[in-house]
């Protein structure tokens, strides 16, 4: 199944960043609280997701959110099947906003072992990928976390990530391989060296005609991703904010040429359910402009 050529060109050569709008499970209450919606506003999981969908809808339907600065957006599975502005969310992003749609497919993290948290099993993966392709989704995102310098654990994370990536490619989608490094790790720089070595080994085995994307924690050494950015089997390297403030994340990002943002919490920083539309749109515009500038620096 062929990759959408216009969307591929947009990600490969367009200017901008990827908005991560895929908060799920445990991260949702925290995201809502930062947005000014506490637990008293919902009494069950459905109501909680209704609240976060309202937040996402307000972001993507804002006049500040367009393909001029936002290249792509990562959606949660429920969002893929829901609507923005009375139109299916995937179709709305691409047809109305010119924003390339991605889908988070992992089901969260397994318990820590060997200094890492691998992905939990993904039941019904083939069906999920087929539905995403039929909806018009371009790619997927799948997250693991590396917490300490354990070569066996890091290798296990990468093996799982690249095997899942192969299944995604076989379904006609582009995987965003995301082995996040915990920014609080005492060995962060050494972990990043081991991780880069493992990534390059596995990327060298891939066919450059079906490239993958990488989503990585902003590195301790500026420019450390240069080999990954230039690798023929990599369509784009994107960075997560990982707990850094937006200002810190932007400053780090600007020192890493060729890498663009894929921020979640840093994107929505300063937004509030209590803001009127004018204040909300101005705050979002400021956020988008700062992340865009850091991504094209």
Protein backbone atom coordinates (compact mmCIF):
# COMPACT_ATOMS: atom_id res chain seq x y z
CA UNK A 1 0.00 0.00 0.00
CA UNK A 2 1.48 3.29 -1.12
CA UNK A 3 2.30 6.16 1.22
CA UNK A 4 0.36 9.36 0.47
CA UNK A 5 2.90 11.26 -1.73
CA UNK A 6 1.74 14.80 -0.89
CA UNK A 7 1.79 14.08 2.82
CA UNK A 8 5.22 12.45 2.57
CA UNK A 9 6.61 15.50 0.74
CA UNK A 10 5.04 17.79 3.32
CA UNK A 11 6.74 15.99 6.22
CA UNK A 12 10.05 15.63 4.38
CA UNK A 13 10.45 19.20 3.17
CA UNK A 14 7.75 21.38 4.76
CA UNK A 15 8.56 23.98 7.41
CA UNK A 16 6.92 23.63 10.80
CA UNK A 17 6.40 21.12 13.59
CA UNK A 18 4.15 18.24 14.67
CA UNK A 19 1.54 18.86 17.35
CA UNK A 20 1.14 15.95 19.77
CA UNK A 21 -2.56 15.84 20.62
CA UNK A 22 -2.55 12.22 21.81
CA UNK A 23 -2.78 12.43 25.60
CA UNK A 24 -4.36 9.22 26.87
CA UNK A 25 -4.89 7.16 29.99
CA UNK A 26 -2.77 8.39 32.88
CA UNK A 27 -1.61 11.59 31.17
CA UNK A 28 -5.14 12.90 30.51
CA UNK A 29 -6.08 14.11 34.03
CA UNK A 30 -2.78 16.00 34.30
CA UNK A 31 -3.26 17.60 30.87
CA UNK A 32 -6.79 18.64 31.80
CA UNK A 33 -5.70 20.07 35.16
CA UNK A 34 -3.07 22.21 33.42
CA UNK A 35 -5.87 23.38 31.12
CA UNK A 36 -7.99 24.42 34.11
CA UNK A 37 -10.32 21.40 34.19
CA UNK A 38 -10.03 19.42 37.44
CA UNK A 39 -11.44 16.00 38.35
CA UNK A 40 -14.71 17.50 39.60
CA UNK A 41 -15.65 18.30 35.97
CA UNK A 42 -16.02 14.61 35.06
CA UNK A 43 -17.17 11.46 36.84
CA UNK A 44 -16.08 8.65 34.51
CA UNK A 45 -13.67 7.88 31.68
CA UNK A 46 -16.11 8.87 28.91
CA UNK A 47 -16.71 12.30 30.46
CA UNK A 48 -12.95 12.74 30.94
CA UNK A 49 -12.29 12.01 27.26
CA UNK A 50 -15.15 14.32 26.27
CA UNK A 51 -13.39 17.10 28.18
CA UNK A 52 -10.00 16.44 26.55
CA UNK A 53 -11.65 16.18 23.13
CA UNK A 54 -13.19 19.61 23.70
CA UNK A 55 -9.70 20.94 24.46
CA UNK A 56 -8.23 19.35 21.33
CA UNK A 57 -11.11 20.62 19.22
CA UNK A 58 -10.56 24.15 20.47
CA UNK A 59 -6.86 23.92 19.56
CA UNK A 60 -7.23 22.49 16.03
CA UNK A 61 -10.20 24.67 15.04
CA UNK A 62 -8.40 27.83 16.18
CA UNK A 63 -7.37 30.19 13.36
CA UNK A 64 -3.83 29.98 14.81
CA UNK A 65 -3.63 26.26 14.01
CA UNK A 66 -2.95 25.83 10.28
CA UNK A 67 -0.61 23.98 7.96
CA UNK A 68 1.45 27.14 7.50
CA UNK A 69 3.26 26.38 10.76
CA UNK A 70 1.91 22.98 11.88
CA UNK A 71 3.07 20.14 9.60
CA UNK A 72 1.32 17.29 11.38
CA UNK A 73 -0.78 16.30 14.38
CA UNK A 74 -0.73 13.05 16.38
CA UNK A 75 -4.17 11.83 17.41
CA UNK A 76 -5.42 9.42 20.06
CA UNK A 77 -7.42 6.45 18.70
CA UNK A 78 -10.75 7.80 19.96
CA UNK A 79 -10.03 11.11 18.26
CA UNK A 80 -9.41 9.37 14.91
CA UNK A 81 -13.01 8.16 14.99
CA UNK A 82 -14.41 11.45 16.32
CA UNK A 83 -15.07 14.82 14.67
CA UNK A 84 -13.58 18.30 14.61
CA UNK A 85 -16.02 20.99 13.56
CA UNK A 86 -18.63 18.47 12.37
CA UNK A 87 -16.17 16.57 10.14
CA UNK A 88 -14.13 13.43 10.82
CA UNK A 89 -10.99 14.50 12.68
CA UNK A 90 -8.52 12.95 10.21
CA UNK A 91 -10.25 14.45 7.16
CA UNK A 92 -10.59 17.83 8.91
CA UNK A 93 -6.87 18.04 9.65
CA UNK A 94 -5.74 17.29 6.10
CA UNK A 95 -8.56 18.76 4.00
CA UNK A 96 -9.41 21.84 6.04
CA UNK A 97 -6.09 22.65 7.72
CA UNK A 98 -3.39 21.09 5.52
CA UNK A 99 -2.03 19.22 8.56
CA UNK A 100 -0.75 15.64 8.12
CA UNK A 101 -2.58 13.19 10.47
CA UNK A 102 -0.75 10.64 12.64
CA UNK A 103 -2.14 8.10 15.13
CA UNK A 104 -0.77 7.01 18.51
CA UNK A 105 -1.02 3.20 18.44
CA UNK A 106 0.76 2.06 21.61
CA UNK A 107 -1.33 0.99 24.61
CA UNK A 108 0.98 2.44 27.21
CA UNK A 109 4.10 1.24 28.99
CA UNK A 110 4.90 -2.11 30.59
CA UNK A 111 6.48 -2.24 34.05
CA UNK A 112 10.14 -1.26 34.24
CA UNK A 113 12.69 -4.03 33.59
CA UNK A 114 16.40 -3.72 32.73
CA UNK A 115 16.16 0.05 33.17
CA UNK A 116 13.49 0.51 30.49
CA UNK A 117 9.76 0.43 29.96
CA UNK A 118 8.83 -1.38 26.75
CA UNK A 119 5.40 -1.04 25.13
CA UNK A 120 2.52 -3.16 26.33
CA UNK A 121 1.10 -5.63 23.77
CA UNK A 122 -1.18 -4.04 21.16
CA UNK A 123 -4.21 -6.33 20.65
CA UNK A 124 -6.01 -5.90 17.34
CA UNK A 125 -3.03 -4.12 15.78
CA UNK A 126 -3.70 -5.23 12.19
CA UNK A 127 -7.30 -4.01 12.38
CA UNK A 128 -6.23 -0.69 13.94
CA UNK A 129 -3.65 -0.08 11.21
CA UNK A 130 -6.17 -0.97 8.48
CA UNK A 131 -8.75 1.43 9.96
CA UNK A 132 -6.15 4.18 10.23
CA UNK A 133 -5.11 3.71 6.61
CA UNK A 134 -8.75 3.76 5.47
CA UNK A 135 -9.35 6.98 7.43
CA UNK A 136 -6.45 8.69 5.68
CA UNK A 137 -3.88 8.58 8.49
CA UNK A 138 -0.29 9.00 7.24
CA UNK A 139 1.71 7.54 10.09
CA UNK A 140 1.75 6.16 13.63
CA UNK A 141 3.50 6.94 16.91
CA UNK A 142 4.65 4.38 19.45
CA UNK A 143 6.44 5.24 22.72
CA UNK A 144 8.87 3.43 25.00
CA UNK A 145 10.95 4.95 27.83
CA UNK A 146 14.61 4.43 28.73
CA UNK A 147 15.45 5.28 32.34
CA UNK A 148 19.00 4.03 32.90
CA UNK A 149 22.14 2.93 31.08
CA UNK A 150 21.47 -0.76 30.48
CA UNK A 151 22.59 -1.89 26.99
CA UNK A 152 20.41 -5.02 27.10
CA UNK A 153 17.34 -2.99 28.02
CA UNK A 154 18.03 -0.35 25.35
CA UNK A 155 18.49 -3.08 22.73
CA UNK A 156 15.21 -4.70 23.80
CA UNK A 157 13.37 -1.38 23.41
CA UNK A 158 14.84 -0.84 19.93
CA UNK A 159 14.12 -4.40 18.80
CA UNK A 160 10.48 -4.01 19.84
CA UNK A 161 10.23 -0.56 18.25
CA UNK A 162 11.67 -1.63 14.90
CA UNK A 163 9.58 -4.81 14.75
CA UNK A 164 6.44 -2.76 15.30
CA UNK A 165 7.74 -0.25 12.76
CA UNK A 166 8.03 -3.02 10.18
CA UNK A 167 4.37 -3.97 10.74
CA UNK A 168 3.36 -0.32 10.36
CA UNK A 169 5.31 0.01 7.10
CA UNK A 170 3.71 -3.21 5.80
CA UNK A 171 0.30 -1.58 6.43
CA UNK A 172 1.24 1.39 4.21
CA UNK A 173 1.87 3.83 7.06
CA UNK A 174 5.01 5.60 8.33
CA UNK A 175 6.04 4.78 11.93
CA UNK A 176 7.35 7.37 14.36
CA UNK A 177 9.75 5.30 16.44
CA UNK A 178 9.89 6.87 19.92
CA UNK A 179 12.44 5.53 22.43
CA UNK A 180 12.17 8.41 24.92
CA UNK A 181 15.08 8.99 27.30
CA UNK A 182 13.99 10.14 30.76
CA UNK A 183 15.32 13.70 31.16
CA UNK A 184 15.90 13.01 34.87
CA UNK A 185 18.27 10.09 34.25
CA UNK A 186 21.70 10.58 35.82
CA UNK A 187 23.24 8.87 32.78
CA UNK A 188 21.27 10.74 30.11
CA UNK A 189 24.25 11.59 27.87
CA UNK A 190 25.68 8.04 28.03
CA UNK A 191 22.21 6.57 27.35
CA UNK A 192 21.91 8.81 24.29
CA UNK A 193 25.25 7.57 22.94
CA UNK A 194 24.17 3.94 23.35
CA UNK A 195 20.75 4.68 21.88
CA UNK A 196 22.18 6.45 18.83
CA UNK A 197 24.53 3.54 18.16
CA UNK A 198 21.60 1.09 18.30
CA UNK A 199 19.41 3.29 16.12
CA UNK A 200 22.08 3.62 13.41
CA UNK A 201 22.68 -0.15 13.39
CA UNK A 202 18.98 -0.83 12.81
CA UNK A 203 18.44 2.03 10.37
CA UNK A 204 21.27 0.68 8.21
CA UNK A 205 19.18 -2.48 7.67
CA UNK A 206 16.13 -0.58 6.40
CA UNK A 207 15.16 0.14 2.80
CA UNK A 208 15.56 3.87 2.18
CA UNK A 209 12.51 3.77 -0.12
CA UNK A 210 10.32 3.13 2.95
CA UNK A 211 11.80 5.45 5.60
CA UNK A 212 10.76 5.78 9.22
CA UNK A 213 10.56 8.79 11.51
CA UNK A 214 12.24 9.15 14.90
CA UNK A 215 10.90 10.95 17.96
CA UNK A 216 13.65 11.54 20.51
CA UNK A 217 14.32 13.39 23.74
CA UNK A 218 16.26 16.62 23.18
CA UNK A 219 19.94 15.63 23.54
CA UNK A 220 22.55 16.72 26.05
CA UNK A 221 25.07 17.32 23.23
CA UNK A 222 23.88 19.93 20.71
CA UNK A 223 23.77 18.56 17.18
CA UNK A 224 24.00 14.97 18.39
CA UNK A 225 21.25 13.84 16.00
CA UNK A 226 23.03 15.01 12.83
CA UNK A 227 23.78 11.45 11.63
CA UNK A 228 20.18 10.43 12.24
CA UNK A 229 18.81 13.51 10.44
CA UNK A 230 21.00 12.73 7.41
CA UNK A 231 20.31 8.97 7.35
CA UNK A 232 18.61 7.89 4.08
CA UNK A 233 16.16 5.64 5.96
CA UNK A 234 14.91 8.55 8.13
CA UNK A 235 12.13 10.77 6.79
CA UNK A 236 12.27 13.22 9.72
CA UNK A 237 13.65 13.47 13.25
CA UNK A 238 11.27 15.11 15.71
CA UNK A 239 11.84 15.98 19.36
CA UNK A 240 9.59 15.61 22.39
CA UNK A 241 9.58 18.25 25.11
CA UNK A 242 9.89 15.52 27.74
CA UNK A 243 9.10 17.66 30.77
CA UNK A 244 11.19 20.69 29.83
CA UNK A 245 9.35 24.02 29.88
CA UNK A 246 8.43 25.40 26.44
CA UNK A 247 11.18 28.04 26.64
CA UNK A 248 13.83 25.46 27.58
CA UNK A 249 12.58 22.97 24.97
CA UNK A 250 12.58 25.64 22.25
CA UNK A 251 16.09 26.78 23.18
CA UNK A 252 17.42 23.21 23.07
CA UNK A 253 15.58 22.48 19.82
CA UNK A 254 16.99 25.56 18.09
CA UNK A 255 20.51 24.24 18.78
CA UNK A 256 19.76 20.97 16.90
CA UNK A 257 19.55 21.72 13.15
CA UNK A 258 17.26 19.54 11.08
CA UNK A 259 15.18 18.43 14.08
CA UNK A 260 11.62 19.72 14.50
CA UNK A 261 9.32 19.77 17.50
CA UNK A 262 6.63 17.27 18.36
CA UNK A 263 5.45 18.86 21.58
CA UNK A 264 2.36 18.09 23.66
CA UNK A 265 2.41 19.78 27.06
CA UNK A 266 4.75 22.51 25.77
CA UNK A 267 2.26 23.30 22.99
CA UNK A 268 -0.71 23.70 25.32
CA UNK A 269 1.26 25.56 28.03
CA UNK A 270 -0.66 28.69 29.03
CA UNK A 271 -3.99 27.61 27.48
CA UNK A 272 -7.03 27.53 29.75
CA UNK A 273 -10.65 26.46 29.48
CA UNK A 274 -11.51 29.71 31.23
CA UNK A 275 -10.01 31.94 28.50
CA UNK A 276 -12.36 33.59 26.03
CA UNK A 277 -11.72 32.83 22.36
CA UNK A 278 -9.64 35.94 21.79
CA UNK A 279 -7.27 35.25 24.70
CA UNK A 280 -7.12 31.54 23.85
CA UNK A 281 -6.27 32.15 20.19
CA UNK A 282 -3.64 34.78 21.03
CA UNK A 283 -1.97 32.46 23.56
CA UNK A 284 -2.02 29.55 21.12
CA UNK A 285 -0.66 31.74 18.33
CA UNK A 286 2.26 32.81 20.53
CA UNK A 287 2.95 29.18 21.46
CA UNK A 288 2.78 27.94 17.86
CA UNK A 289 4.99 30.78 16.61
CA UNK A 290 7.69 30.11 19.21
CA UNK A 291 7.76 26.36 18.50
CA UNK A 292 7.71 27.00 14.74
CA UNK A 293 10.67 29.40 15.02
CA UNK A 294 12.66 26.88 17.07
CA UNK A 295 11.83 24.13 14.55
CA UNK A 296 13.10 26.09 11.54
CA UNK A 297 16.12 27.64 13.33
